[in-house]
Amino acid sequence: MRGAGNGAMDLQTAVTLLAGGLFVYAAWLTSIVFCAANDKYPLLIASATFFPVGVVHGIGVWFGGW
């Protein structure tokens, strides 16, 4: 199996990666701000320490799960 090569990344791939990264970062930041504002310190520590926990919690906050 041959790889894609060492050429430059195309624009669509770059935009997709950037959008995905911003989405994940925004969800994590939402979790941090929500926990700090609502005095949920154990969850704040877990969200800040374990990045995936914060991302899942942030998405849950967006959709009203928490």
N, C-alpha and C. Protein backbone atom coordinates (compact mmCIF):
# COMPACT_ATOMS: atom_id res chain seq x y z
N MET A 1 0.85 -1.17 0.00
CA MET A 1 0.00 0.00 0.00
C MET A 1 0.89 1.23 0.00
N ARG A 2 0.59 2.13 -0.86
CA ARG A 2 1.41 3.34 -0.99
C ARG A 2 0.72 4.52 -0.32
N GLY A 3 1.50 5.33 0.39
CA GLY A 3 0.96 6.50 1.07
C GLY A 3 0.66 7.62 0.10
N ALA A 4 0.13 8.68 0.61
CA ALA A 4 -0.27 9.82 -0.21
C ALA A 4 0.93 10.63 -0.68
N GLY A 5 2.06 10.42 -0.06
CA GLY A 5 3.24 11.18 -0.47
C GLY A 5 3.54 12.27 0.55
N ASN A 6 4.51 13.07 0.21
CA ASN A 6 4.94 14.12 1.12
C ASN A 6 4.55 15.50 0.63
N GLY A 7 3.58 15.58 -0.22
CA GLY A 7 3.17 16.86 -0.77
C GLY A 7 2.42 17.70 0.25
N ALA A 8 2.08 18.88 -0.14
CA ALA A 8 1.36 19.80 0.73
C ALA A 8 -0.08 19.32 0.94
N MET A 9 -0.63 19.69 2.07
CA MET A 9 -2.01 19.35 2.38
C MET A 9 -2.94 20.23 1.54
N ASP A 10 -4.02 19.64 1.03
CA ASP A 10 -4.95 20.45 0.25
C ASP A 10 -5.82 21.30 1.18
N LEU A 11 -6.46 22.30 0.62
CA LEU A 11 -7.21 23.28 1.40
C LEU A 11 -8.39 22.64 2.12
N GLN A 12 -9.09 21.73 1.49
CA GLN A 12 -10.26 21.11 2.12
C GLN A 12 -9.86 20.33 3.37
N THR A 13 -8.76 19.61 3.32
CA THR A 13 -8.29 18.87 4.48
C THR A 13 -7.87 19.81 5.59
N ALA A 14 -7.19 20.88 5.25
CA ALA A 14 -6.76 21.86 6.25
C ALA A 14 -7.95 22.52 6.94
N VAL A 15 -8.96 22.89 6.17
CA VAL A 15 -10.15 23.53 6.74
C VAL A 15 -10.91 22.54 7.62
N THR A 16 -11.01 21.30 7.21
CA THR A 16 -11.70 20.29 8.00
C THR A 16 -10.99 20.04 9.33
N LEU A 17 -9.68 19.93 9.28
CA LEU A 17 -8.92 19.73 10.52
C LEU A 17 -9.04 20.94 11.44
N LEU A 18 -8.98 22.13 10.89
CA LEU A 18 -9.10 23.34 11.69
C LEU A 18 -10.49 23.45 12.32
N ALA A 19 -11.53 23.16 11.55
CA ALA A 19 -12.90 23.22 12.08
C ALA A 19 -13.10 22.18 13.17
N GLY A 20 -12.58 20.98 12.97
CA GLY A 20 -12.69 19.95 14.00
C GLY A 20 -11.96 20.32 15.28
N GLY A 21 -10.78 20.89 15.12
CA GLY A 21 -10.02 21.33 16.29
C GLY A 21 -10.71 22.45 17.04
N LEU A 22 -11.29 23.39 16.33
CA LEU A 22 -12.02 24.48 16.98
C LEU A 22 -13.27 23.98 17.68
N PHE A 23 -13.95 23.01 17.09
CA PHE A 23 -15.14 22.41 17.70
C PHE A 23 -14.79 21.74 19.02
N VAL A 24 -13.73 20.95 19.02
CA VAL A 24 -13.30 20.24 20.23
C VAL A 24 -12.85 21.23 21.29
N TYR A 25 -12.08 22.24 20.90
CA TYR A 25 -11.61 23.23 21.86
C TYR A 25 -12.78 24.02 22.46
N ALA A 26 -13.75 24.38 21.63
CA ALA A 26 -14.91 25.13 22.13
C ALA A 26 -15.73 24.29 23.11
N ALA A 27 -15.87 23.00 22.83
CA ALA A 27 -16.61 22.12 23.76
C ALA A 27 -15.87 22.02 25.08
N TRP A 28 -14.54 21.86 25.04
CA TRP A 28 -13.76 21.78 26.26
C TRP A 28 -13.84 23.08 27.07
N LEU A 29 -13.73 24.21 26.38
CA LEU A 29 -13.80 25.50 27.05
C LEU A 29 -15.19 25.74 27.64
N THR A 30 -16.24 25.30 26.96
CA THR A 30 -17.59 25.40 27.49
C THR A 30 -17.72 24.64 28.79
N SER A 31 -17.15 23.46 28.84
CA SER A 31 -17.19 22.65 30.05
C SER A 31 -16.47 23.35 31.20
N ILE A 32 -15.30 23.91 30.93
CA ILE A 32 -14.53 24.59 31.97
C ILE A 32 -15.30 25.79 32.51
N VAL A 33 -15.84 26.61 31.64
CA VAL A 33 -16.58 27.81 32.06
C VAL A 33 -17.85 27.43 32.80
N PHE A 34 -18.57 26.43 32.30
CA PHE A 34 -19.81 25.99 32.94
C PHE A 34 -19.54 25.49 34.36
N CYS A 35 -18.52 24.67 34.52
CA CYS A 35 -18.20 24.13 35.84
C CYS A 35 -17.75 25.22 36.80
N ALA A 36 -16.97 26.17 36.33
CA ALA A 36 -16.50 27.25 37.18
C ALA A 36 -17.66 28.16 37.60
N ALA A 37 -18.57 28.42 36.69
CA ALA A 37 -19.70 29.30 36.98
C ALA A 37 -20.72 28.66 37.91
N ASN A 38 -20.81 27.34 37.89
CA ASN A 38 -21.82 26.64 38.68
C ASN A 38 -21.24 25.91 39.88
N ASP A 39 -20.03 26.25 40.27
CA ASP A 39 -19.38 25.67 41.46
C ASP A 39 -19.34 24.15 41.45
N LYS A 40 -19.04 23.57 40.32
CA LYS A 40 -18.90 22.11 40.20
C LYS A 40 -17.41 21.79 40.12
N TYR A 41 -16.73 21.93 41.26
CA TYR A 41 -15.27 21.84 41.27
C TYR A 41 -14.73 20.45 40.99
N PRO A 42 -15.34 19.36 41.47
CA PRO A 42 -14.80 18.04 41.10
C PRO A 42 -14.86 17.80 39.58
N LEU A 43 -15.96 18.19 38.96
CA LEU A 43 -16.07 18.03 37.51
C LEU A 43 -15.14 19.00 36.78
N LEU A 44 -14.93 20.17 37.35
CA LEU A 44 -13.98 21.12 36.76
C LEU A 44 -12.57 20.55 36.74
N ILE A 45 -12.18 19.92 37.84
CA ILE A 45 -10.85 19.31 37.90
C ILE A 45 -10.75 18.15 36.90
N ALA A 46 -11.79 17.32 36.83
CA ALA A 46 -11.79 16.20 35.89
C ALA A 46 -11.76 16.70 34.45
N SER A 47 -12.52 17.73 34.15
CA SER A 47 -12.57 18.26 32.79
C SER A 47 -11.26 18.91 32.38
N ALA A 48 -10.62 19.58 33.32
CA ALA A 48 -9.36 20.24 33.01
C ALA A 48 -8.21 19.24 32.90
N THR A 49 -8.28 18.17 33.70
CA THR A 49 -7.21 17.19 33.72
C THR A 49 -7.32 16.20 32.56
N PHE A 50 -8.52 15.71 32.32
CA PHE A 50 -8.75 14.71 31.27
C PHE A 50 -9.54 15.37 30.15
N PHE A 51 -8.83 15.76 29.11
CA PHE A 51 -9.41 16.52 28.00
C PHE A 51 -10.67 15.89 27.42
N PRO A 52 -10.72 14.56 27.17
CA PRO A 52 -11.94 13.98 26.58
C PRO A 52 -13.17 14.11 27.48
N VAL A 53 -12.98 14.09 28.79
CA VAL A 53 -14.11 14.28 29.71
C VAL A 53 -14.70 15.67 29.50
N GLY A 54 -13.85 16.66 29.39
CA GLY A 54 -14.32 18.03 29.17
C GLY A 54 -15.02 18.20 27.84
N VAL A 55 -14.53 17.54 26.81
CA VAL A 55 -15.15 17.64 25.49
C VAL A 55 -16.55 17.03 25.52
N VAL A 56 -16.68 15.85 26.09
CA VAL A 56 -18.00 15.19 26.15
C VAL A 56 -18.94 16.01 27.01
N HIS A 57 -18.46 16.52 28.13
CA HIS A 57 -19.32 17.33 29.00
C HIS A 57 -19.72 18.63 28.31
N GLY A 58 -18.81 19.27 27.60
CA GLY A 58 -19.13 20.50 26.90
C GLY A 58 -20.19 20.30 25.83
N ILE A 59 -20.08 19.22 25.08
CA ILE A 59 -21.11 18.91 24.06
C ILE A 59 -22.43 18.63 24.75
N GLY A 60 -22.39 17.96 25.89
CA GLY A 60 -23.61 17.70 26.66
C GLY A 60 -24.26 18.99 27.13
N VAL A 61 -23.45 19.95 27.54
CA VAL A 61 -23.99 21.25 27.96
C VAL A 61 -24.66 21.95 26.78
N TRP A 62 -24.04 21.89 25.62
CA TRP A 62 -24.64 22.50 24.44
C TRP A 62 -26.02 21.96 24.13
N PHE A 63 -26.18 20.66 24.26
CA PHE A 63 -27.45 20.03 23.89
C PHE A 63 -28.38 19.83 25.06
N GLY A 64 -28.07 20.40 26.21
CA GLY A 64 -28.98 20.37 27.35
C GLY A 64 -28.95 19.08 28.14
N GLY A 65 -27.92 18.27 27.98
CA GLY A 65 -27.85 17.01 28.71
C GLY A 65 -27.45 17.20 30.16
N TRP A 66 -26.73 18.30 30.44
CA TRP A 66 -26.30 18.56 31.81
C TRP A 66 -26.69 19.94 32.21
